[in-house]
Amino acid sequence: MDKRCQECGRGLVIDDWYSYIRTKYCPACAAAVKRRQNAERMRQLRRITRQKNSAVRELCTVQAAELAALRDLIQKQRAELDALKNH
């Protein structure tokens, strides 16, 4: 059976029907296509990771501000309690 490479157009001679269905590229182009696909996958993974990390950083900033406000409130209430105990 004869088939053409989808990348360069060279002819591929494939004897097995299952290989015929699965094979899209000649061996030279297959390595380049695999490298390109892996690079794109990694680029997407890095982008998604950056988005998740920025969301986590933003959440941490909000929670740190909230904790600081609660800490101030607790200190203020302790001071008021000490003032009431002393009178």
Protein backbone atom coordinates (compact mmCIF):
# COMPACT_ATOMS: atom_id res chain seq x y z
CA MET A 1 0.00 0.00 0.00
CA ASP A 2 1.20 3.47 -0.80
CA LYS A 3 0.66 6.57 1.29
CA ARG A 4 2.18 10.07 1.41
CA CYS A 5 3.77 11.89 4.34
CA GLN A 6 1.48 14.70 5.52
CA GLU A 7 4.47 16.93 6.26
CA CYS A 8 6.79 16.63 3.24
CA GLY A 9 4.71 14.64 0.75
CA ARG A 10 7.24 11.80 0.27
CA GLY A 11 5.81 8.40 -0.49
CA LEU A 12 5.61 5.80 2.26
CA VAL A 13 5.43 2.09 1.52
CA ILE A 14 3.47 0.35 4.26
CA ASP A 15 2.65 -3.37 4.20
CA ASP A 16 0.52 -3.68 7.33
CA TRP A 17 -3.04 -2.29 7.27
CA TYR A 18 -2.94 -1.13 10.91
CA SER A 19 0.34 0.66 10.33
CA TYR A 20 -1.19 2.20 7.22
CA ILE A 21 -3.98 3.75 9.27
CA ARG A 22 -1.69 4.98 12.04
CA THR A 23 1.27 6.26 10.01
CA LYS A 24 1.07 9.90 8.97
CA TYR A 25 4.69 10.98 8.58
CA CYS A 26 7.95 9.63 7.24
CA PRO A 27 10.57 8.84 9.91
CA ALA A 28 12.45 12.11 9.31
CA CYS A 29 9.32 14.24 9.63
CA ALA A 30 7.92 12.19 12.53
CA ALA A 31 10.74 13.32 14.82
CA ALA A 32 10.25 16.98 13.89
CA VAL A 33 6.48 16.77 14.32
CA LYS A 34 6.85 15.02 17.69
CA ARG A 35 9.31 17.67 18.87
CA ARG A 36 6.96 20.46 17.73
CA GLN A 37 3.94 18.86 19.43
CA ASN A 38 5.88 18.34 22.67
CA ALA A 39 7.03 21.97 22.62
CA GLU A 40 3.44 23.15 22.16
CA ARG A 41 2.23 20.87 24.97
CA MET A 42 4.91 22.19 27.32
CA ARG A 43 4.11 25.80 26.34
CA GLN A 44 0.45 25.21 27.23
CA LEU A 45 1.42 23.51 30.49
CA ARG A 46 3.66 26.43 31.49
CA ARG A 47 0.88 28.92 30.64
CA ILE A 48 -1.68 27.03 32.73
CA THR A 49 0.81 26.66 35.61
CA ARG A 50 1.52 30.41 35.54
CA GLN A 51 -2.21 31.15 35.67
CA LYS A 52 -2.73 28.80 38.61
CA ASN A 53 0.27 30.20 40.46
CA SER A 54 -0.91 33.78 39.99
CA ALA A 55 -4.36 32.84 41.30
CA VAL A 56 -2.79 31.20 44.37
CA ARG A 57 -0.55 34.23 44.93
CA GLU A 58 -3.54 36.56 44.73
CA LEU A 59 -5.48 34.41 47.19
CA CYS A 60 -2.51 34.37 49.59
CA THR A 61 -2.27 38.17 49.42
CA VAL A 62 -5.98 38.56 50.19
CA GLN A 63 -5.79 36.08 53.07
CA ALA A 64 -2.65 37.74 54.48
CA ALA A 65 -4.46 41.10 54.55
CA GLU A 66 -7.46 39.46 56.21
CA LEU A 67 -5.25 37.78 58.82
CA ALA A 68 -3.51 41.08 59.57
CA ALA A 69 -6.89 42.77 60.10
CA LEU A 70 -8.03 39.94 62.39
CA ARG A 71 -4.75 40.12 64.33
CA ASP A 72 -5.23 43.86 64.86
CA LEU A 73 -8.81 43.27 66.01
CA ILE A 74 -7.70 40.60 68.51
CA GLN A 75 -4.98 42.88 69.91
CA LYS A 76 -7.50 45.69 70.25
CA GLN A 77 -9.98 43.44 72.05
CA ARG A 78 -7.24 42.16 74.38
CA ALA A 79 -6.28 45.73 75.21
CA GLU A 80 -9.93 46.57 75.95
CA LEU A 81 -10.23 43.45 78.12
CA ASP A 82 -7.07 44.38 80.05
CA ALA A 83 -8.43 47.90 80.54
CA LEU A 84 -11.70 46.50 81.92
CA LYS A 85 -9.86 44.11 84.27
CA ASN A 86 -7.72 46.94 85.65
CA HIS A 87 -10.71 49.17 86.49
